[in-house]
Amino acid sequence: MRLAAVVFLVQLSGVLCSGVAHAESGPIPCVAGVPWPAAGSIPADQPAFVVRAPRGGESPLILELWQTVGDGAETLVPSELARVFEAPGFVVVTPSEPFTVGARVELRGYVCGTDRLGSEPNPAGVVQVAYDVVEGEATPPAPPLRIETGVVGIAEEGFYAGFYAEVTMHVEGGGLLLDWAPWIVPVISVGDLSASPRPNGRRVDASFPLACRGGYGLTPGSQLVVGALTTRTGDTLHELREAHVFACDDARFVDSVTGEELSAEEVARLRPRPMDAGVPERDASTSGPFDAGVDEVIDGGGCHVASARASSATWLLAMVWGWRRRRRRHEAPPTPPRAR
């Protein structure tokens, strides 16, 4: 029975980190997300239009750009259409030529499925948004890129609960990184771990497990850190590669519950967690050491860190092992036989 439970958990781990967030028994809901950019003004060289859509399926999708100049006739703008299969999916439209300043542009069509009769687009998947083309040039995020690193230790009830390599990439050129999501996707990697965390203004923060004091994660010491700006369709626009040293002794410590930084006296009182205390249930976060969350512009539904050296199945097996050790520890000893 115990073996069956372990096998079930290992199988379940593949589902938890697969990015599939729907039941297999039903169809994927068809709902078009808010288009990017939002309705309003765009420059003549607007590079792309992005619409969130359900993942998977073979439903037809049509998204077109139409331009009207003055009192002239409406014309179809030559463009390329890309379906990005992620969780959730994104449909990307890239115009093949600049728009005319002063023109009216419409992005319209549908991104998923038809109605129950199969004759009309599903209303929930219909896209229709208008733009005014104004003078000026698009200003996507651009170099200089700058990377800062550090180490954070997590304290939990007086014990060491884990260490993380922290990386912050600053994007100091071009427009705000946040304004260009989801077309521009930041990617940060350390060693063989990588992440695509949420942007925050002109910066993006990521953290990766670090193997200090016997823990799991990256090997402490010098690591190659790569920060890059990519497009939703996977093209790399800019990249910065630097070697950084992650030293366990340089860690600052924070409380796992409050997030407050510990004083030197509190750090001095921390102890290693006993071997039979179980494995803390903690997510390897890319947006901070406390909660990996679900990133709306990346694949994986929160399972952000990809590694060739570890899997979620390994973590689940470790938790099961710790649970069994803890259960044995708290079981009452057998009652000795009474003397006759």
Protein backbone atom coordinates (compact mmCIF):
# COMPACT_ATOMS: atom_id res chain seq x y z
CA MET A 1 0.00 0.00 0.00
CA ARG A 2 2.84 2.38 0.89
CA LEU A 3 4.60 1.61 -2.38
CA ALA A 4 1.41 2.33 -4.29
CA ALA A 5 1.10 5.69 -2.53
CA VAL A 6 4.66 6.62 -3.45
CA VAL A 7 4.11 5.62 -7.10
CA PHE A 8 0.91 7.70 -7.17
CA LEU A 9 2.73 10.76 -5.82
CA VAL A 10 5.52 10.39 -8.37
CA GLN A 11 2.98 10.14 -11.17
CA LEU A 12 1.09 13.11 -9.74
CA SER A 13 4.26 15.21 -9.73
CA GLY A 14 4.34 15.09 -13.52
CA VAL A 15 0.80 16.50 -13.63
CA LEU A 16 1.50 19.24 -11.10
CA CYS A 17 4.36 20.67 -13.16
CA SER A 18 3.08 19.93 -16.63
CA GLY A 19 1.33 23.27 -17.08
CA VAL A 20 -1.99 21.53 -17.82
CA ALA A 21 -4.62 23.13 -15.63
CA HIS A 22 -7.79 21.54 -16.95
CA ALA A 23 -9.60 18.25 -16.53
CA GLU A 24 -9.09 15.72 -19.29
CA SER A 25 -12.80 14.94 -19.32
CA GLY A 26 -13.86 18.34 -20.63
CA PRO A 27 -12.85 20.75 -23.39
CA ILE A 28 -10.53 23.67 -22.75
CA PRO A 29 -12.58 26.82 -22.08
CA CYS A 30 -12.42 29.23 -25.00
CA VAL A 31 -11.76 32.75 -23.71
CA ALA A 32 -9.66 35.37 -25.47
CA GLY A 33 -7.46 37.42 -23.17
CA VAL A 34 -7.01 41.19 -23.26
CA PRO A 35 -4.97 42.05 -26.37
CA TRP A 36 -1.57 43.69 -26.05
CA PRO A 37 -1.16 46.55 -26.64
CA ALA A 38 -4.43 47.85 -25.27
CA ALA A 39 -6.64 50.00 -27.48
CA GLY A 40 -5.27 53.50 -28.07
CA SER A 41 -2.26 54.92 -29.85
CA ILE A 42 0.52 52.88 -31.46
CA PRO A 43 3.62 53.92 -33.45
CA ALA A 44 3.90 53.10 -37.14
CA ASP A 45 6.55 50.46 -36.39
CA GLN A 46 4.57 48.59 -33.71
CA PRO A 47 6.38 45.22 -33.79
CA ALA A 48 3.66 42.82 -32.62
CA PHE A 49 0.19 42.22 -31.23
CA VAL A 50 -0.35 39.50 -28.62
CA VAL A 51 -3.57 37.84 -27.48
CA ARG A 52 -3.80 35.24 -24.77
CA ALA A 53 -5.72 32.11 -25.77
CA PRO A 54 -6.34 28.56 -24.51
CA ARG A 55 -3.63 26.00 -24.95
CA GLY A 56 -3.92 22.98 -27.21
CA GLY A 57 -6.63 21.76 -29.50
CA GLU A 58 -7.01 21.95 -33.25
CA SER A 59 -9.61 24.71 -33.37
CA PRO A 60 -9.12 27.19 -36.22
CA LEU A 61 -7.98 30.68 -35.32
CA ILE A 62 -8.02 33.84 -37.39
CA LEU A 63 -6.49 37.16 -36.38
CA GLU A 64 -6.06 39.92 -38.95
CA LEU A 65 -4.92 43.54 -39.05
CA TRP A 66 -6.99 45.98 -41.12
CA GLN A 67 -5.91 49.56 -41.87
CA THR A 68 -7.98 52.54 -42.97
CA VAL A 69 -6.21 55.70 -44.18
CA GLY A 70 -8.39 58.80 -44.21
CA ASP A 71 -11.57 58.23 -46.25
CA GLY A 72 -9.96 55.41 -48.22
CA ALA A 73 -11.03 51.81 -48.32
CA GLU A 74 -10.11 49.38 -45.58
CA THR A 75 -7.12 47.21 -46.53
CA LEU A 76 -5.67 44.01 -45.07
CA VAL A 77 -2.21 44.51 -43.57
CA PRO A 78 0.33 41.80 -44.50
CA SER A 79 1.30 40.01 -41.32
CA GLU A 80 2.53 36.73 -39.88
CA LEU A 81 0.53 34.69 -37.37
CA ALA A 82 2.18 32.52 -34.71
CA ARG A 83 0.45 30.31 -32.16
CA VAL A 84 2.66 29.91 -29.11
CA PHE A 85 1.75 26.74 -27.24
CA GLU A 86 2.31 27.59 -23.61
CA ALA A 87 0.22 27.60 -20.48
CA PRO A 88 -1.80 29.64 -21.22
CA GLY A 89 -1.26 29.96 -24.95
CA PHE A 90 -0.55 33.17 -26.84
CA VAL A 91 -1.38 34.14 -30.40
CA VAL A 92 1.10 36.60 -31.89
CA VAL A 93 0.51 38.77 -34.97
CA THR A 94 3.56 40.55 -36.43
CA PRO A 95 2.93 43.08 -39.25
CA SER A 96 5.21 42.71 -42.26
CA GLU A 97 5.32 46.44 -43.00
CA PRO A 98 4.91 49.72 -41.07
CA PHE A 99 1.52 51.34 -40.68
CA THR A 100 0.64 54.75 -42.11
CA VAL A 101 0.79 57.61 -39.61
CA GLY A 102 -2.74 58.93 -39.04
CA ALA A 103 -4.36 55.63 -40.06
CA ARG A 104 -6.93 53.65 -38.11
CA VAL A 105 -5.90 50.04 -37.46
CA GLU A 106 -8.07 47.20 -36.19
CA LEU A 107 -7.00 43.83 -34.84
CA ARG A 108 -9.93 41.50 -35.20
CA GLY A 109 -10.88 37.87 -35.58
CA TYR A 110 -11.03 34.97 -33.15
CA VAL A 111 -8.47 32.82 -31.40
CA CYS A 112 -10.33 29.63 -30.56
CA GLY A 113 -13.21 27.52 -31.72
CA THR A 114 -16.69 28.03 -33.08
CA ASP A 115 -20.15 28.02 -31.53
CA ARG A 116 -22.09 24.84 -30.82
CA LEU A 117 -23.47 24.76 -34.35
CA GLY A 118 -19.96 25.07 -35.74
CA SER A 119 -20.92 27.89 -38.06
CA GLU A 120 -19.88 31.05 -36.16
CA PRO A 121 -16.89 31.97 -33.98
CA ASN A 122 -17.28 31.35 -30.28
CA PRO A 123 -18.22 34.78 -28.83
CA ALA A 124 -15.79 34.29 -25.93
CA GLY A 125 -12.92 33.93 -28.38
CA VAL A 126 -13.69 36.98 -30.53
CA VAL A 127 -11.08 39.78 -30.63
CA GLN A 128 -11.81 43.32 -31.85
CA VAL A 129 -9.67 46.27 -30.82
CA ALA A 130 -8.87 49.57 -32.61
CA TYR A 131 -5.71 51.70 -32.66
CA ASP A 132 -4.70 55.13 -33.92
CA VAL A 133 -1.29 55.31 -35.59
CA VAL A 134 0.71 58.29 -34.32
CA GLU A 135 4.16 59.70 -35.01
CA GLY A 136 7.04 58.27 -33.03
CA GLU A 137 9.00 55.04 -32.80
CA ALA A 138 8.47 51.94 -30.71
CA THR A 139 10.80 51.82 -27.69
CA PRO A 140 11.11 48.22 -26.50
CA PRO A 141 13.36 47.46 -23.52
CA ALA A 142 17.03 47.61 -24.51
CA PRO A 143 20.57 47.57 -23.08
CA PRO A 144 22.37 48.45 -21.00
CA LEU A 145 21.51 45.34 -18.97
CA ARG A 146 22.89 45.01 -15.46
CA ILE A 147 22.90 41.98 -13.15
CA GLU A 148 23.06 41.97 -9.34
CA THR A 149 23.35 38.79 -7.27
CA GLY A 150 23.27 37.66 -3.66
CA VAL A 151 22.41 34.77 -1.34
CA VAL A 152 19.42 34.55 1.00
CA GLY A 153 18.92 32.01 3.75
CA ILE A 154 15.46 31.04 4.99
CA ALA A 155 14.90 30.58 8.73
CA GLU A 156 11.98 28.51 9.98
CA GLU A 157 11.23 28.06 13.69
CA GLY A 158 14.89 28.47 14.61
CA PHE A 159 16.19 26.13 11.91
CA TYR A 160 17.95 26.59 8.58
CA ALA A 161 15.18 25.93 6.02
CA GLY A 162 16.98 26.51 2.74
CA PHE A 163 19.28 28.79 0.78
CA TYR A 164 18.64 30.61 -2.49
CA ALA A 165 20.80 32.33 -5.09
CA GLU A 166 19.15 35.68 -5.83
CA VAL A 167 19.50 37.37 -9.22
CA THR A 168 18.17 40.78 -10.30
CA MET A 169 18.44 41.95 -13.89
CA HIS A 170 18.04 45.68 -14.51
CA VAL A 171 16.98 46.79 -17.99
CA GLU A 172 18.10 50.41 -18.18
CA GLY A 173 17.52 51.21 -21.87
CA GLY A 174 14.40 51.62 -23.98
CA GLY A 175 10.91 51.47 -22.50
CA LEU A 176 9.70 49.93 -19.26
CA LEU A 177 10.00 46.16 -19.22
CA LEU A 178 6.58 45.85 -17.59
CA ASP A 179 4.91 47.88 -20.35
CA TRP A 180 6.19 45.45 -22.99
CA ALA A 181 4.90 42.25 -21.40
CA PRO A 182 3.88 39.84 -22.74
CA TRP A 183 5.69 40.48 -26.04
CA ILE A 184 9.11 40.89 -24.38
CA VAL A 185 9.91 37.97 -22.04
CA PRO A 186 12.91 38.25 -19.67
CA VAL A 187 14.90 35.07 -19.05
CA ILE A 188 17.43 34.54 -16.26
CA SER A 189 19.59 31.45 -15.90
CA VAL A 190 22.22 30.36 -13.39
CA GLY A 191 24.19 27.26 -14.29
CA ASP A 192 21.67 24.77 -15.68
CA LEU A 193 18.64 26.39 -14.01
CA SER A 194 16.54 28.97 -15.84
CA ALA A 195 13.43 31.05 -15.18
CA SER A 196 11.14 33.60 -16.82
CA PRO A 197 9.81 35.60 -13.86
CA ARG A 198 7.44 38.55 -13.86
CA PRO A 199 8.90 41.95 -14.75
CA ASN A 200 8.70 44.82 -12.29
CA GLY A 201 9.15 48.20 -13.92
CA ARG A 202 12.72 48.13 -15.27
CA ARG A 203 13.85 45.07 -13.35
CA VAL A 204 13.16 41.38 -12.94
CA ASP A 205 13.97 39.20 -9.92
CA ALA A 206 14.63 35.48 -9.77
CA SER A 207 15.88 33.04 -7.14
CA PHE A 208 17.20 29.51 -7.38
CA PRO A 209 17.84 26.85 -4.69
CA LEU A 210 21.45 26.83 -3.49
CA ALA A 211 23.09 23.75 -1.93
CA CYS A 212 24.37 25.25 1.33
CA ARG A 213 24.65 23.14 4.50
CA GLY A 214 23.80 19.95 2.66
CA GLY A 215 20.70 21.29 0.95
CA TYR A 216 19.59 20.74 -2.63
CA GLY A 217 20.34 23.16 -5.47
CA LEU A 218 23.12 24.88 -7.33
CA THR A 219 26.68 24.29 -6.20
CA PRO A 220 27.93 27.31 -4.21
CA GLY A 221 30.79 29.25 -5.75
CA SER A 222 31.29 30.74 -9.19
CA GLN A 223 28.37 30.27 -11.61
CA LEU A 224 27.62 31.60 -15.08
CA VAL A 225 24.67 34.00 -14.89
CA VAL A 226 22.82 34.86 -18.09
CA GLY A 227 20.19 37.58 -18.40
CA ALA A 228 18.32 37.92 -21.68
CA LEU A 229 15.39 39.65 -23.31
CA THR A 230 13.47 37.39 -25.67
CA THR A 231 10.28 37.78 -27.67
CA ARG A 232 7.14 35.75 -27.14
CA THR A 233 8.05 33.75 -30.23
CA GLY A 234 11.46 32.81 -28.78
CA ASP A 235 13.84 35.23 -30.52
CA THR A 236 16.67 36.59 -28.34
CA LEU A 237 16.94 40.37 -28.59
CA HIS A 238 19.69 41.11 -26.04
CA GLU A 239 21.82 39.01 -23.71
CA LEU A 240 24.31 39.56 -20.88
CA ARG A 241 26.62 36.76 -19.64
CA GLU A 242 28.67 37.15 -16.45
CA ALA A 243 30.34 34.95 -13.84
CA HIS A 244 29.10 35.57 -10.27
CA VAL A 245 30.13 33.99 -6.97
CA PHE A 246 27.41 32.70 -4.62
CA ALA A 247 28.96 32.26 -1.16
CA CYS A 248 26.92 30.63 1.59
CA ASP A 249 28.74 32.67 4.26
CA ASP A 250 27.51 35.88 2.63
CA ALA A 251 23.84 34.98 3.02
CA ARG A 252 21.38 37.33 4.60
CA PHE A 253 18.62 35.51 6.52
CA VAL A 254 14.89 36.16 6.52
CA ASP A 255 12.02 34.60 8.42
CA SER A 256 9.94 32.21 6.29
CA VAL A 257 6.64 33.53 7.70
CA THR A 258 7.10 37.27 8.08
CA GLY A 259 9.80 37.87 5.46
CA GLU A 260 11.66 40.08 7.93
CA GLU A 261 15.45 40.01 7.94
CA LEU A 262 17.06 38.39 10.98
CA SER A 263 19.57 40.15 13.20
CA ALA A 264 23.12 38.85 13.69
CA GLU A 265 22.12 37.46 17.11
CA GLU A 266 19.14 35.59 15.63
CA VAL A 267 21.30 34.14 12.85
CA ALA A 268 23.87 32.93 15.40
CA ARG A 269 21.14 30.91 17.16
CA LEU A 270 19.98 29.06 14.02
CA ARG A 271 20.45 25.28 14.02
CA PRO A 272 20.49 22.62 11.31
CA ARG A 273 17.17 20.81 10.97
CA PRO A 274 17.25 17.25 12.40
CA MET A 275 17.41 14.51 9.81
CA ASP A 276 14.12 12.97 10.96
CA ALA A 277 12.19 16.27 11.04
CA GLY A 278 10.87 15.77 7.52
CA VAL A 279 11.46 17.88 4.45
CA PRO A 280 9.91 21.39 4.47
CA GLU A 281 7.36 21.84 1.74
CA ARG A 282 8.90 24.73 -0.17
CA ASP A 283 8.70 25.79 -3.78
CA ALA A 284 11.86 26.66 -5.69
CA SER A 285 10.82 30.20 -6.42
CA THR A 286 11.89 32.39 -9.30
CA SER A 287 10.14 35.52 -8.08
CA GLY A 288 11.35 35.43 -4.48
CA PRO A 289 12.22 32.90 -1.76
CA PHE A 290 8.72 32.56 -0.33
CA ASP A 291 6.20 31.95 -3.11
CA ALA A 292 6.84 30.87 -6.68
CA GLY A 293 3.32 31.92 -7.63
CA VAL A 294 1.94 31.56 -11.13
CA ASP A 295 3.56 33.72 -13.76
CA GLU A 296 1.08 34.95 -16.33
CA VAL A 297 3.65 35.31 -19.08
CA ILE A 298 5.53 32.06 -18.82
CA ASP A 299 5.07 28.38 -19.34
CA GLY A 300 4.62 25.95 -16.51
CA GLY A 301 1.86 27.42 -14.32
CA GLY A 302 4.32 28.23 -11.52
CA CYS A 303 6.79 25.37 -12.12
CA HIS A 304 9.28 27.88 -13.34
CA VAL A 305 12.72 26.40 -12.69
CA ALA A 306 13.94 23.84 -15.21
CA SER A 307 16.91 21.63 -14.34
CA ALA A 308 18.61 18.59 -15.78
CA ARG A 309 19.72 17.51 -12.29
CA ALA A 310 16.48 17.35 -10.32
CA SER A 311 12.79 16.65 -10.71
CA SER A 312 9.61 17.18 -8.73
CA ALA A 313 9.40 13.40 -8.32
CA THR A 314 12.64 13.50 -6.30
CA TRP A 315 11.19 16.13 -4.00
CA LEU A 316 7.99 14.14 -3.48
CA LEU A 317 9.92 10.97 -2.66
CA ALA A 318 11.96 12.95 -0.15
CA MET A 319 8.82 14.29 1.50
CA VAL A 320 7.32 10.80 1.72
CA TRP A 321 10.56 9.53 3.29
CA GLY A 322 10.57 12.35 5.83
CA TRP A 323 6.90 11.74 6.65
CA ARG A 324 7.54 8.03 7.32
CA ARG A 325 10.54 8.82 9.55
CA ARG A 326 8.52 11.35 11.49
CA ARG A 327 5.61 8.93 11.88
CA ARG A 328 7.88 6.21 13.26
CA ARG A 329 9.40 8.68 15.68
CA HIS A 330 6.03 9.62 17.19
CA GLU A 331 4.54 6.12 17.31
CA ALA A 332 4.22 4.80 20.84
CA PRO A 333 6.62 1.94 21.73
CA PRO A 334 5.10 -1.53 22.08
CA THR A 335 3.78 -2.42 25.54
CA PRO A 336 6.09 -4.93 27.25
CA PRO A 337 4.51 -8.22 28.41
CA ARG A 338 3.42 -8.34 32.02
CA ALA A 339 5.42 -10.45 34.44
CA ARG A 340 3.55 -13.46 35.77
